[in-house]
Amino acid sequence: MNINHMTALLLGVAAVLAVPCVALAQVDGPLPPDGPMQGLMHRGRMTDRLLVEFDVNHDGKVTHAELNNVLGSRFAGATHGA
């Protein structure tokens, strides 16, 4: 085995061993919850905006009826009542 093959083999092994370390370094918190609103828990600004815009009765929850009412009024405003 010549020096070029040995160097390539060494670099390949180093790359294979480095990938899991880099991937683990990217994980810095708990995984986001599963479900239709996945990821919104970790975006504080977006969650606050969602509650302000869609939580009409200010109970900390966005119900299906609240979502439909807000989207319906926005759609009616965008289409000028058509």
C-alpha atoms as a PDB file:
ATOM      1  CA  MET A   1       0.000   0.000   0.000  1.00  0.00           C
ATOM      2  CA  ASN A   2       1.507   3.303  -0.995  1.00  0.00           C
ATOM      3  CA  ILE A   3       1.336   6.552   0.966  1.00  0.00           C
ATOM      4  CA  ASN A   4      -1.578   7.995  -1.097  1.00  0.00           C
ATOM      5  CA  HIS A   5      -3.801   5.007  -0.352  1.00  0.00           C
ATOM      6  CA  MET A   6      -2.844   5.096   3.309  1.00  0.00           C
ATOM      7  CA  THR A   7      -3.622   8.824   3.533  1.00  0.00           C
ATOM      8  CA  ALA A   8      -6.986   8.380   1.784  1.00  0.00           C
ATOM      9  CA  LEU A   9      -7.897   5.515   4.103  1.00  0.00           C
ATOM     10  CA  LEU A  10      -6.950   7.526   7.187  1.00  0.00           C
ATOM     11  CA  LEU A  11      -8.959  10.553   6.020  1.00  0.00           C
ATOM     12  CA  GLY A  12     -11.968   8.335   5.257  1.00  0.00           C
ATOM     13  CA  VAL A  13     -11.899   6.769   8.704  1.00  0.00           C
ATOM     14  CA  ALA A  14     -11.555  10.204  10.321  1.00  0.00           C
ATOM     15  CA  ALA A  15     -14.533  11.514   8.336  1.00  0.00           C
ATOM     16  CA  VAL A  16     -16.706   8.529   9.269  1.00  0.00           C
ATOM     17  CA  LEU A  17     -15.872   8.962  12.945  1.00  0.00           C
ATOM     18  CA  ALA A  18     -16.388  12.745  12.884  1.00  0.00           C
ATOM     19  CA  VAL A  19     -19.926  12.748  11.432  1.00  0.00           C
ATOM     20  CA  PRO A  20     -21.732  11.376  14.534  1.00  0.00           C
ATOM     21  CA  CYS A  21     -19.844  13.807  16.765  1.00  0.00           C
ATOM     22  CA  VAL A  22     -20.924  16.777  14.648  1.00  0.00           C
ATOM     23  CA  ALA A  23     -24.518  15.527  14.529  1.00  0.00           C
ATOM     24  CA  LEU A  24     -24.664  15.156  18.309  1.00  0.00           C
ATOM     25  CA  ALA A  25     -23.238  18.639  18.759  1.00  0.00           C
ATOM     26  CA  GLN A  26     -26.241  20.072  16.858  1.00  0.00           C
ATOM     27  CA  VAL A  27     -28.737  18.742  19.429  1.00  0.00           C
ATOM     28  CA  ASP A  28     -28.948  21.344  22.172  1.00  0.00           C
ATOM     29  CA  GLY A  29     -32.343  20.755  23.715  1.00  0.00           C
ATOM     30  CA  PRO A  30     -35.263  18.393  23.993  1.00  0.00           C
ATOM     31  CA  LEU A  31     -36.909  17.159  20.825  1.00  0.00           C
ATOM     32  CA  PRO A  32     -40.033  19.056  19.739  1.00  0.00           C
ATOM     33  CA  PRO A  33     -43.368  17.437  20.535  1.00  0.00           C
ATOM     34  CA  ASP A  34     -45.170  15.340  17.952  1.00  0.00           C
ATOM     35  CA  GLY A  35     -48.413  16.529  16.458  1.00  0.00           C
ATOM     36  CA  PRO A  36     -49.863  19.063  14.060  1.00  0.00           C
ATOM     37  CA  MET A  37     -48.228  22.013  15.803  1.00  0.00           C
ATOM     38  CA  GLN A  38     -44.799  20.397  15.934  1.00  0.00           C
ATOM     39  CA  GLY A  39     -42.026  22.911  16.445  1.00  0.00           C
ATOM     40  CA  LEU A  40     -44.188  25.822  17.584  1.00  0.00           C
ATOM     41  CA  MET A  41     -43.320  25.124  21.216  1.00  0.00           C
ATOM     42  CA  HIS A  42     -39.715  26.196  20.648  1.00  0.00           C
ATOM     43  CA  ARG A  43     -40.464  29.380  18.742  1.00  0.00           C
ATOM     44  CA  GLY A  44     -41.607  31.693  21.487  1.00  0.00           C
ATOM     45  CA  ARG A  45     -42.341  34.627  19.246  1.00  0.00           C
ATOM     46  CA  MET A  46     -44.506  32.579  16.886  1.00  0.00           C
ATOM     47  CA  THR A  47     -46.432  30.989  19.743  1.00  0.00           C
ATOM     48  CA  ASP A  48     -47.138  34.379  21.297  1.00  0.00           C
ATOM     49  CA  ARG A  49     -48.261  35.739  17.938  1.00  0.00           C
ATOM     50  CA  LEU A  50     -50.545  32.746  17.395  1.00  0.00           C
ATOM     51  CA  LEU A  51     -52.195  33.237  20.786  1.00  0.00           C
ATOM     52  CA  VAL A  52     -52.601  36.979  20.339  1.00  0.00           C
ATOM     53  CA  GLU A  53     -54.175  36.637  16.892  1.00  0.00           C
ATOM     54  CA  PHE A  54     -56.321  33.520  17.290  1.00  0.00           C
ATOM     55  CA  ASP A  55     -57.145  33.158  21.010  1.00  0.00           C
ATOM     56  CA  VAL A  56     -60.239  35.348  20.999  1.00  0.00           C
ATOM     57  CA  ASN A  57     -61.430  34.574  24.548  1.00  0.00           C
ATOM     58  CA  HIS A  58     -57.865  34.717  25.994  1.00  0.00           C
ATOM     59  CA  ASP A  59     -57.990  31.364  27.771  1.00  0.00           C
ATOM     60  CA  GLY A  60     -54.555  30.269  26.533  1.00  0.00           C
ATOM     61  CA  LYS A  61     -55.997  27.806  24.008  1.00  0.00           C
ATOM     62  CA  VAL A  62     -56.889  28.166  20.340  1.00  0.00           C
ATOM     63  CA  THR A  63     -60.015  26.151  19.616  1.00  0.00           C
ATOM     64  CA  HIS A  64     -61.195  25.053  16.200  1.00  0.00           C
ATOM     65  CA  ALA A  65     -64.087  27.524  16.369  1.00  0.00           C
ATOM     66  CA  GLU A  66     -61.746  30.441  17.199  1.00  0.00           C
ATOM     67  CA  LEU A  67     -59.453  29.512  14.323  1.00  0.00           C
ATOM     68  CA  ASN A  68     -62.386  29.281  11.895  1.00  0.00           C
ATOM     69  CA  ASN A  69     -63.857  32.601  13.047  1.00  0.00           C
ATOM     70  CA  VAL A  70     -60.594  34.512  12.651  1.00  0.00           C
ATOM     71  CA  LEU A  71     -59.756  32.931   9.297  1.00  0.00           C
ATOM     72  CA  GLY A  72     -63.311  33.518   8.070  1.00  0.00           C
ATOM     73  CA  SER A  73     -63.209  37.198   8.995  1.00  0.00           C
ATOM     74  CA  ARG A  74     -59.800  37.596   7.328  1.00  0.00           C
ATOM     75  CA  PHE A  75     -61.042  35.873   4.186  1.00  0.00           C
ATOM     76  CA  ALA A  76     -64.163  38.061   4.120  1.00  0.00           C
ATOM     77  CA  GLY A  77     -62.003  41.158   4.515  1.00  0.00           C
ATOM     78  CA  ALA A  78     -59.598  40.071   1.780  1.00  0.00           C
ATOM     79  CA  THR A  79     -62.441  39.335  -0.649  1.00  0.00           C
ATOM     80  CA  HIS A  80     -64.451  42.403   0.408  1.00  0.00           C
ATOM     81  CA  GLY A  81     -67.343  40.239   1.595  1.00  0.00           C
ATOM     82  CA  ALA A  82     -67.646  38.225  -1.612  1.00  0.00           C
END
